[in-house]
C-alpha atoms as a PDB file:
ATOM      1  CA  MET A   1      15.434   0.441  17.875  1.00  0.00           C
ATOM      2  CA  SER A   2      12.175   2.143  16.775  1.00  0.00           C
ATOM      3  CA  LYS A   3      13.676   2.547  13.348  1.00  0.00           C
ATOM      4  CA  PHE A   4      13.767  -1.281  12.960  1.00  0.00           C
ATOM      5  CA  VAL A   5      10.244  -1.512  13.933  1.00  0.00           C
ATOM      6  CA  LEU A   6       8.929   1.435  11.767  1.00  0.00           C
ATOM      7  CA  ALA A   7      10.998  -0.360   9.039  1.00  0.00           C
ATOM      8  CA  PHE A   8       9.459  -4.024   9.770  1.00  0.00           C
ATOM      9  CA  PHE A   9       5.883  -2.264   9.758  1.00  0.00           C
ATOM     10  CA  LEU A  10       6.449  -0.841   6.455  1.00  0.00           C
ATOM     11  CA  VAL A  11       7.679  -3.829   4.682  1.00  0.00           C
ATOM     12  CA  ALA A  12       4.974  -6.039   6.709  1.00  0.00           C
ATOM     13  CA  HIS A  13       2.186  -3.181   5.176  1.00  0.00           C
ATOM     14  CA  GLY A  14       3.710  -3.437   1.849  1.00  0.00           C
ATOM     15  CA  ILE A  15       3.839  -7.425   1.580  1.00  0.00           C
ATOM     16  CA  ILE A  16       0.153  -7.607   2.534  1.00  0.00           C
ATOM     17  CA  HIS A  17      -0.352  -6.298  -0.789  1.00  0.00           C
ATOM     18  CA  LEU A  18       1.048  -9.207  -2.611  1.00  0.00           C
ATOM     19  CA  GLY A  19      -2.290 -10.855  -2.083  1.00  0.00           C
ATOM     20  CA  PHE A  20      -3.172  -8.781  -4.915  1.00  0.00           C
ATOM     21  CA  LEU A  21      -0.517  -9.940  -6.949  1.00  0.00           C
ATOM     22  CA  THR A  22      -0.724 -13.788  -6.557  1.00  0.00           C
ATOM     23  CA  PRO A  23      -3.224 -15.998  -8.008  1.00  0.00           C
ATOM     24  CA  ALA A  24      -6.613 -16.130  -5.755  1.00  0.00           C
ATOM     25  CA  PRO A  25      -7.630 -19.201  -4.187  1.00  0.00           C
ATOM     26  CA  ALA A  26     -10.975 -20.851  -4.659  1.00  0.00           C
ATOM     27  CA  ASP A  27     -12.516 -19.166  -1.239  1.00  0.00           C
ATOM     28  CA  PRO A  28     -14.841 -16.530  -2.486  1.00  0.00           C
ATOM     29  CA  LYS A  29     -14.424 -14.730   1.024  1.00  0.00           C
ATOM     30  CA  TYR A  30     -10.641 -13.829  -0.202  1.00  0.00           C
ATOM     31  CA  PRO A  31     -10.411 -10.097   0.174  1.00  0.00           C
ATOM     32  CA  PHE A  32      -7.423  -9.727  -2.696  1.00  0.00           C
ATOM     33  CA  ARG A  33      -9.096  -9.789  -5.652  1.00  0.00           C
ATOM     34  CA  LEU A  34      -8.247  -7.792  -8.672  1.00  0.00           C
ATOM     35  CA  SER A  35     -11.547  -8.899 -10.153  1.00  0.00           C
ATOM     36  CA  ASN A  36     -13.623  -7.566  -7.608  1.00  0.00           C
ATOM     37  CA  SER A  37     -13.777  -3.876  -8.357  1.00  0.00           C
ATOM     38  CA  TRP A  38     -16.908  -1.566  -7.815  1.00  0.00           C
ATOM     39  CA  LEU A  39     -15.388   0.560 -10.394  1.00  0.00           C
ATOM     40  CA  ILE A  40     -15.786  -2.111 -13.111  1.00  0.00           C
ATOM     41  CA  VAL A  41     -19.482  -2.315 -12.045  1.00  0.00           C
ATOM     42  CA  ARG A  42     -20.289   1.142 -12.049  1.00  0.00           C
ATOM     43  CA  ALA A  43     -18.397   2.857 -14.614  1.00  0.00           C
ATOM     44  CA  GLY A  44     -18.314  -0.254 -17.354  1.00  0.00           C
ATOM     45  CA  ILE A  45     -14.660  -0.055 -17.761  1.00  0.00           C
ATOM     46  CA  ASP A  46     -12.894  -2.979 -19.228  1.00  0.00           C
ATOM     47  CA  ALA A  47     -11.944  -5.557 -16.369  1.00  0.00           C
ATOM     48  CA  ALA A  48      -8.458  -5.780 -18.179  1.00  0.00           C
ATOM     49  CA  ILE A  49      -7.564  -2.114 -17.667  1.00  0.00           C
ATOM     50  CA  VAL A  50      -8.577  -2.258 -14.193  1.00  0.00           C
ATOM     51  CA  ARG A  51      -6.504  -5.379 -13.541  1.00  0.00           C
ATOM     52  CA  ALA A  52      -3.377  -3.444 -14.733  1.00  0.00           C
ATOM     53  CA  LEU A  53      -4.178  -0.823 -13.041  1.00  0.00           C
ATOM     54  CA  GLY A  54      -4.281  -2.881  -9.693  1.00  0.00           C
ATOM     55  CA  LEU A  55      -0.971  -4.692 -10.642  1.00  0.00           C
ATOM     56  CA  ALA A  56       0.659  -1.452 -11.184  1.00  0.00           C
ATOM     57  CA  LEU A  57      -0.631  -0.103  -7.743  1.00  0.00           C
ATOM     58  CA  GLY A  58       0.439  -3.185  -6.030  1.00  0.00           C
ATOM     59  CA  VAL A  59       4.117  -2.788  -7.430  1.00  0.00           C
ATOM     60  CA  ILE A  60       3.964   0.698  -6.460  1.00  0.00           C
ATOM     61  CA  VAL A  61       2.757  -0.079  -3.052  1.00  0.00           C
ATOM     62  CA  LEU A  62       5.337  -3.375  -2.660  1.00  0.00           C
ATOM     63  CA  VAL A  63       8.374  -1.358  -4.032  1.00  0.00           C
ATOM     64  CA  GLY A  64       7.490   1.902  -2.364  1.00  0.00           C
ATOM     65  CA  PHE A  65       7.150   0.527   1.209  1.00  0.00           C
ATOM     66  CA  GLY A  66      10.191  -1.516   0.861  1.00  0.00           C
ATOM     67  CA  ALA A  67      12.267   1.749  -0.095  1.00  0.00           C
ATOM     68  CA  ALA A  68      10.753   3.592   2.626  1.00  0.00           C
ATOM     69  CA  ALA A  69      11.789   1.098   5.208  1.00  0.00           C
ATOM     70  CA  LEU A  70      15.314   1.334   3.703  1.00  0.00           C
ATOM     71  CA  ALA A  71      15.146   4.959   3.624  1.00  0.00           C
ATOM     72  CA  ALA A  72      14.060   5.112   7.555  1.00  0.00           C
ATOM     73  CA  LEU A  73      17.269   2.848   8.259  1.00  0.00           C
ATOM     74  CA  GLY A  74      19.629   4.940   6.212  1.00  0.00           C
ATOM     75  CA  ILE A  75      20.562   1.705   3.929  1.00  0.00           C
ATOM     76  CA  VAL A  76      20.971   2.400   0.177  1.00  0.00           C
ATOM     77  CA  VAL A  77      18.144   4.891  -0.150  1.00  0.00           C
ATOM     78  CA  PRO A  78      18.728   8.572   1.309  1.00  0.00           C
ATOM     79  CA  GLN A  79      16.992   8.930   4.705  1.00  0.00           C
ATOM     80  CA  ALA A  80      15.545  12.212   3.310  1.00  0.00           C
ATOM     81  CA  TRP A  81      13.634  10.303   0.906  1.00  0.00           C
ATOM     82  CA  SER A  82      11.456   8.434   3.388  1.00  0.00           C
ATOM     83  CA  GLY A  83       8.692  10.631   3.538  1.00  0.00           C
ATOM     84  CA  TRP A  84       8.041  11.086   0.228  1.00  0.00           C
ATOM     85  CA  LEU A  85       8.407   7.259  -0.493  1.00  0.00           C
ATOM     86  CA  THR A  86       5.959   6.708   2.579  1.00  0.00           C
ATOM     87  CA  LEU A  87       3.522   8.878   0.921  1.00  0.00           C
ATOM     88  CA  VAL A  88       3.536   7.746  -2.516  1.00  0.00           C
ATOM     89  CA  ALA A  89       3.328   4.117  -0.924  1.00  0.00           C
ATOM     90  CA  ALA A  90       0.261   4.889   1.407  1.00  0.00           C
ATOM     91  CA  THR A  91      -1.419   6.791  -1.159  1.00  0.00           C
ATOM     92  CA  SER A  92      -1.087   4.399  -3.507  1.00  0.00           C
ATOM     93  CA  SER A  93      -2.253   1.550  -1.276  1.00  0.00           C
ATOM     94  CA  LEU A  94      -5.061   3.549  -0.109  1.00  0.00           C
ATOM     95  CA  VAL A  95      -6.236   3.833  -3.802  1.00  0.00           C
ATOM     96  CA  MET A  96      -5.900   0.102  -4.160  1.00  0.00           C
ATOM     97  CA  LEU A  97      -7.759  -0.899  -1.047  1.00  0.00           C
ATOM     98  CA  ILE A  98     -10.721   1.627  -2.172  1.00  0.00           C
ATOM     99  CA  LEU A  99     -10.719   0.440  -5.849  1.00  0.00           C
ATOM    100  CA  PHE A 100     -10.844  -3.251  -4.605  1.00  0.00           C
ATOM    101  CA  TRP A 101     -12.481  -2.723  -1.611  1.00  0.00           C
ATOM    102  CA  HIS A 102     -13.616  -5.934   0.748  1.00  0.00           C
ATOM    103  CA  THR A 103     -14.594  -5.179   4.530  1.00  0.00           C
ATOM    104  CA  TRP A 104     -11.923  -6.969   5.347  1.00  0.00           C
ATOM    105  CA  LEU A 105      -9.428  -4.564   4.030  1.00  0.00           C
ATOM    106  CA  VAL A 106     -10.702  -1.981   6.572  1.00  0.00           C
ATOM    107  CA  LEU A 107      -7.478  -2.138   9.027  1.00  0.00           C
ATOM    108  CA  GLY A 108      -5.209  -1.722   5.949  1.00  0.00           C
ATOM    109  CA  ALA A 109      -6.983   1.320   4.975  1.00  0.00           C
ATOM    110  CA  LEU A 110      -7.116   2.753   8.290  1.00  0.00           C
ATOM    111  CA  ILE A 111      -3.123   2.270   8.837  1.00  0.00           C
ATOM    112  CA  ASP A 112      -2.681   4.384   5.260  1.00  0.00           C
ATOM    113  CA  VAL A 113      -4.992   6.833   6.436  1.00  0.00           C
ATOM    114  CA  VAL A 114      -3.013   7.197   9.950  1.00  0.00           C
ATOM    115  CA  MET A 115       0.401   7.308   7.997  1.00  0.00           C
ATOM    116  CA  LEU A 116      -1.122  10.091   5.734  1.00  0.00           C
ATOM    117  CA  VAL A 117      -2.167  12.216   8.475  1.00  0.00           C
ATOM    118  CA  ALA A 118       1.070  11.964  10.235  1.00  0.00           C
ATOM    119  CA  LEU A 119       3.020  12.863   7.121  1.00  0.00           C
ATOM    120  CA  LEU A 120       0.625  15.519   5.780  1.00  0.00           C
ATOM    121  CA  GLY A 121      -0.718  16.863   9.033  1.00  0.00           C
ATOM    122  CA  LEU A 122       1.942  16.247  11.670  1.00  0.00           C
ATOM    123  CA  ARG A 123       4.507  16.637   9.543  1.00  0.00           C
ATOM    124  CA  TRP A 124       6.099  13.396  10.582  1.00  0.00           C
ATOM    125  CA  LEU A 125       8.941  11.903   8.795  1.00  0.00           C
ATOM    126  CA  PRO A 126      10.010   8.241   9.063  1.00  0.00           C
ATOM    127  CA  ALA A 127      13.412   8.760   9.113  1.00  0.00           C
ATOM    128  CA  GLU A 128      13.351  10.719  12.059  1.00  0.00           C
ATOM    129  CA  ALA A 129      11.533   7.854  14.232  1.00  0.00           C
END
């Protein structure tokens, strides 16, 4: 049962990032905006480049966490890949959240940090959950 909970959690965390990949509502408080990046303001980088980077990261996060969930369950994706997939997805997620920071995203960043500490510091493997 714990593998199903883990898989659900990984998929849910990935799906939250869809907020970046879909059109933003008119509400200015909406936190998932690829147009709101401190990187654009401080570095003077073209907004289209930053948006493309955000879209790429969003796809990596979504696919990565989805594949990590399947690997943790041993479905389609080899279980041995679960750690690497989770590492890539969590790192990409954290980079994305930092680049397009909004204070509402602190929980997502914290989740990514906890996963990275568990993977790298504690040598946790999702497939062994």
